[in-house]
Amino acid sequence: MPRPIRATIENVKKYGKQRGVVMYCPRTGEQYSATPGDYFMAPPKHVFKGRGGAAMYLGVPFSGIQPITGATKKKRS
């Protein structure tokens, strides 16, 4: 299984321009912008952390609802 991408300045610059990408912390639920321009003053080796030093990762928020597909009506005889 692929590993989540850590929220570092290098990765924010690489992936942050894609639509909908945010930094998130799975432990605390925090979400922050991953737009590279928001962090132009951060040092090159900076690693983003949430409250209490929890690791942050890059991701795209999803509502969590998967639509059901297929036939919904029965044919009448």
N, C-alpha and C. Protein backbone atom coordinates (compact mmCIF):
# COMPACT_ATOMS: atom_id res chain seq x y z
N MET A 1 0.85 -1.18 0.00
CA MET A 1 0.00 0.00 0.00
C MET A 1 0.89 1.24 0.00
N PRO A 2 0.58 2.25 -0.83
CA PRO A 2 1.40 3.46 -0.87
C PRO A 2 1.29 4.24 0.44
N ARG A 3 2.38 4.89 0.80
CA ARG A 3 2.40 5.69 2.03
C ARG A 3 1.92 7.10 1.75
N PRO A 4 1.25 7.74 2.72
CA PRO A 4 0.84 9.14 2.55
C PRO A 4 2.07 10.04 2.42
N ILE A 5 1.92 11.15 1.74
CA ILE A 5 3.02 12.09 1.52
C ILE A 5 3.04 13.09 2.67
N ARG A 6 4.19 13.18 3.36
CA ARG A 6 4.36 14.12 4.48
C ARG A 6 4.26 15.55 3.99
N ALA A 7 3.75 16.41 4.84
CA ALA A 7 3.64 17.83 4.52
C ALA A 7 4.96 18.52 4.85
N THR A 8 5.82 18.62 3.85
CA THR A 8 7.08 19.36 3.96
C THR A 8 7.04 20.49 2.94
N ILE A 9 7.90 21.47 3.09
CA ILE A 9 7.93 22.56 2.11
C ILE A 9 8.18 22.01 0.71
N GLU A 10 9.10 21.08 0.60
CA GLU A 10 9.41 20.50 -0.70
C GLU A 10 8.17 19.85 -1.34
N ASN A 11 7.42 19.09 -0.55
CA ASN A 11 6.22 18.43 -1.08
C ASN A 11 5.08 19.41 -1.33
N VAL A 12 4.97 20.45 -0.50
CA VAL A 12 3.95 21.48 -0.74
C VAL A 12 4.22 22.18 -2.06
N LYS A 13 5.49 22.48 -2.34
CA LYS A 13 5.84 23.11 -3.62
C LYS A 13 5.55 22.17 -4.79
N LYS A 14 5.74 20.88 -4.58
CA LYS A 14 5.56 19.90 -5.65
C LYS A 14 4.07 19.59 -5.92
N TYR A 15 3.27 19.45 -4.86
CA TYR A 15 1.88 19.01 -5.01
C TYR A 15 0.83 20.07 -4.69
N GLY A 16 1.21 21.14 -4.01
CA GLY A 16 0.25 22.12 -3.50
C GLY A 16 -0.49 22.92 -4.55
N LYS A 17 -0.01 22.95 -5.77
CA LYS A 17 -0.69 23.72 -6.81
C LYS A 17 -1.83 22.92 -7.45
N GLN A 18 -1.93 21.65 -7.13
CA GLN A 18 -3.02 20.83 -7.66
C GLN A 18 -4.33 21.23 -6.98
N ARG A 19 -5.40 21.11 -7.68
CA ARG A 19 -6.71 21.54 -7.18
C ARG A 19 -7.13 20.76 -5.93
N GLY A 20 -7.49 21.49 -4.90
CA GLY A 20 -8.08 20.90 -3.71
C GLY A 20 -7.12 20.31 -2.69
N VAL A 21 -5.81 20.38 -2.92
CA VAL A 21 -4.85 19.77 -2.00
C VAL A 21 -4.75 20.59 -0.71
N VAL A 22 -4.78 19.90 0.42
CA VAL A 22 -4.63 20.53 1.73
C VAL A 22 -3.62 19.74 2.56
N MET A 23 -3.14 20.37 3.62
CA MET A 23 -2.36 19.65 4.63
C MET A 23 -3.36 19.23 5.70
N TYR A 24 -3.25 17.99 6.17
CA TYR A 24 -4.17 17.52 7.19
C TYR A 24 -3.44 16.66 8.22
N CYS A 25 -4.01 16.58 9.39
CA CYS A 25 -3.47 15.75 10.45
C CYS A 25 -4.52 14.70 10.79
N PRO A 26 -4.26 13.42 10.50
CA PRO A 26 -5.25 12.39 10.79
C PRO A 26 -5.53 12.22 12.29
N ARG A 27 -4.58 12.59 13.13
CA ARG A 27 -4.76 12.43 14.57
C ARG A 27 -5.68 13.49 15.15
N THR A 28 -5.53 14.75 14.70
CA THR A 28 -6.30 15.85 15.29
C THR A 28 -7.42 16.37 14.41
N GLY A 29 -7.41 16.02 13.12
CA GLY A 29 -8.42 16.51 12.19
C GLY A 29 -8.15 17.90 11.64
N GLU A 30 -7.02 18.49 11.98
CA GLU A 30 -6.67 19.82 11.48
C GLU A 30 -6.49 19.79 9.96
N GLN A 31 -6.88 20.89 9.30
CA GLN A 31 -6.65 21.06 7.87
C GLN A 31 -6.17 22.48 7.63
N TYR A 32 -5.16 22.60 6.77
CA TYR A 32 -4.61 23.91 6.41
C TYR A 32 -4.34 23.96 4.92
N SER A 33 -4.25 25.16 4.42
CA SER A 33 -3.92 25.38 3.01
C SER A 33 -2.59 24.71 2.67
N ALA A 34 -2.50 24.19 1.44
CA ALA A 34 -1.23 23.64 0.96
C ALA A 34 -0.72 24.47 -0.22
N THR A 35 -1.20 25.71 -0.33
CA THR A 35 -0.76 26.59 -1.40
C THR A 35 0.67 27.04 -1.12
N PRO A 36 1.61 26.74 -2.03
CA PRO A 36 3.02 27.06 -1.78
C PRO A 36 3.29 28.52 -1.44
N GLY A 37 2.56 29.43 -2.05
CA GLY A 37 2.77 30.86 -1.80
C GLY A 37 2.45 31.29 -0.38
N ASP A 38 1.65 30.51 0.32
CA ASP A 38 1.30 30.84 1.71
C ASP A 38 2.49 30.65 2.65
N TYR A 39 3.49 29.89 2.20
CA TYR A 39 4.61 29.54 3.07
C TYR A 39 5.96 29.94 2.47
N PHE A 40 5.96 31.04 1.72
CA PHE A 40 7.19 31.45 1.01
C PHE A 40 8.34 31.79 1.95
N MET A 41 8.07 32.08 3.20
CA MET A 41 9.14 32.43 4.14
C MET A 41 9.61 31.24 4.97
N ALA A 42 9.01 30.09 4.78
CA ALA A 42 9.41 28.90 5.56
C ALA A 42 10.77 28.40 5.09
N PRO A 43 11.58 27.88 6.00
CA PRO A 43 12.89 27.34 5.62
C PRO A 43 12.75 26.14 4.68
N PRO A 44 13.73 25.89 3.82
CA PRO A 44 13.64 24.81 2.82
C PRO A 44 13.40 23.41 3.39
N LYS A 45 13.84 23.14 4.60
CA LYS A 45 13.70 21.80 5.19
C LYS A 45 12.52 21.70 6.18
N HIS A 46 11.65 22.71 6.19
CA HIS A 46 10.55 22.76 7.16
C HIS A 46 9.59 21.57 6.98
N VAL A 47 9.20 20.97 8.11
CA VAL A 47 8.20 19.89 8.14
C VAL A 47 7.01 20.41 8.94
N PHE A 48 5.82 20.35 8.35
CA PHE A 48 4.63 20.86 9.03
C PHE A 48 4.11 19.84 10.04
N LYS A 49 3.72 20.37 11.20
CA LYS A 49 3.18 19.53 12.27
C LYS A 49 1.94 20.18 12.84
N GLY A 50 1.02 19.36 13.31
CA GLY A 50 -0.20 19.85 13.92
C GLY A 50 -0.01 20.09 15.40
N ARG A 51 -1.13 20.23 16.09
CA ARG A 51 -1.09 20.43 17.54
C ARG A 51 -0.35 19.29 18.22
N GLY A 52 0.47 19.61 19.16
CA GLY A 52 1.20 18.60 19.91
C GLY A 52 2.27 17.88 19.10
N GLY A 53 2.63 18.44 17.96
CA GLY A 53 3.70 17.84 17.15
C GLY A 53 3.26 16.68 16.28
N ALA A 54 1.96 16.51 16.10
CA ALA A 54 1.45 15.41 15.27
C ALA A 54 1.82 15.63 13.80
N ALA A 55 2.19 14.57 13.11
CA ALA A 55 2.58 14.65 11.71
C ALA A 55 1.42 15.11 10.83
N MET A 56 1.74 15.94 9.83
CA MET A 56 0.74 16.38 8.85
C MET A 56 1.11 15.80 7.50
N TYR A 57 0.08 15.56 6.70
CA TYR A 57 0.22 14.94 5.38
C TYR A 57 -0.54 15.76 4.34
N LEU A 58 -0.32 15.45 3.07
CA LEU A 58 -1.04 16.11 1.99
C LEU A 58 -2.18 15.21 1.53
N GLY A 59 -3.30 15.83 1.19
CA GLY A 59 -4.44 15.07 0.71
C GLY A 59 -5.50 15.97 0.12
N VAL A 60 -6.56 15.36 -0.38
CA VAL A 60 -7.70 16.08 -0.94
C VAL A 60 -8.93 15.66 -0.14
N PRO A 61 -9.62 16.62 0.49
CA PRO A 61 -10.81 16.27 1.27
C PRO A 61 -11.86 15.59 0.40
N PHE A 62 -12.56 14.64 0.99
CA PHE A 62 -13.59 13.89 0.31
C PHE A 62 -14.76 13.75 1.27
N SER A 63 -15.95 13.84 0.74
CA SER A 63 -17.13 13.79 1.61
C SER A 63 -17.33 12.42 2.25
N GLY A 64 -16.76 11.39 1.66
CA GLY A 64 -16.89 10.07 2.24
C GLY A 64 -18.11 9.30 1.79
N ILE A 65 -18.91 9.86 0.87
CA ILE A 65 -20.09 9.15 0.37
C ILE A 65 -19.80 8.66 -1.04
N GLN A 66 -19.93 7.38 -1.22
CA GLN A 66 -19.73 6.77 -2.53
C GLN A 66 -21.12 6.53 -3.14
N PRO A 67 -21.41 7.08 -4.33
CA PRO A 67 -22.73 6.86 -4.91
C PRO A 67 -22.96 5.39 -5.26
N ILE A 68 -24.19 4.96 -5.13
CA ILE A 68 -24.57 3.61 -5.52
C ILE A 68 -24.90 3.64 -7.00
N THR A 69 -24.40 2.68 -7.73
CA THR A 69 -24.66 2.63 -9.16
C THR A 69 -25.41 1.35 -9.51
N GLY A 70 -26.09 1.38 -10.61
CA GLY A 70 -26.82 0.20 -11.06
C GLY A 70 -28.30 0.49 -11.20
N ALA A 71 -29.05 -0.52 -11.58
CA ALA A 71 -30.49 -0.38 -11.79
C ALA A 71 -31.19 -0.17 -10.45
N THR A 72 -32.15 0.76 -10.42
CA THR A 72 -32.90 1.01 -9.20
C THR A 72 -34.36 0.65 -9.32
N LYS A 73 -34.85 0.50 -10.55
CA LYS A 73 -36.26 0.16 -10.76
C LYS A 73 -36.37 -1.26 -11.29
N LYS A 74 -37.42 -1.96 -10.84
CA LYS A 74 -37.70 -3.28 -11.39
C LYS A 74 -38.57 -3.10 -12.63
N LYS A 75 -38.33 -3.93 -13.62
CA LYS A 75 -39.17 -3.88 -14.82
C LYS A 75 -40.51 -4.49 -14.51
N ARG A 76 -41.56 -3.88 -15.05
CA ARG A 76 -42.91 -4.40 -14.87
C ARG A 76 -43.16 -5.51 -15.88
N SER A 77 -43.86 -6.53 -15.45
CA SER A 77 -44.15 -7.65 -16.35
C SER A 77 -45.37 -7.39 -17.18
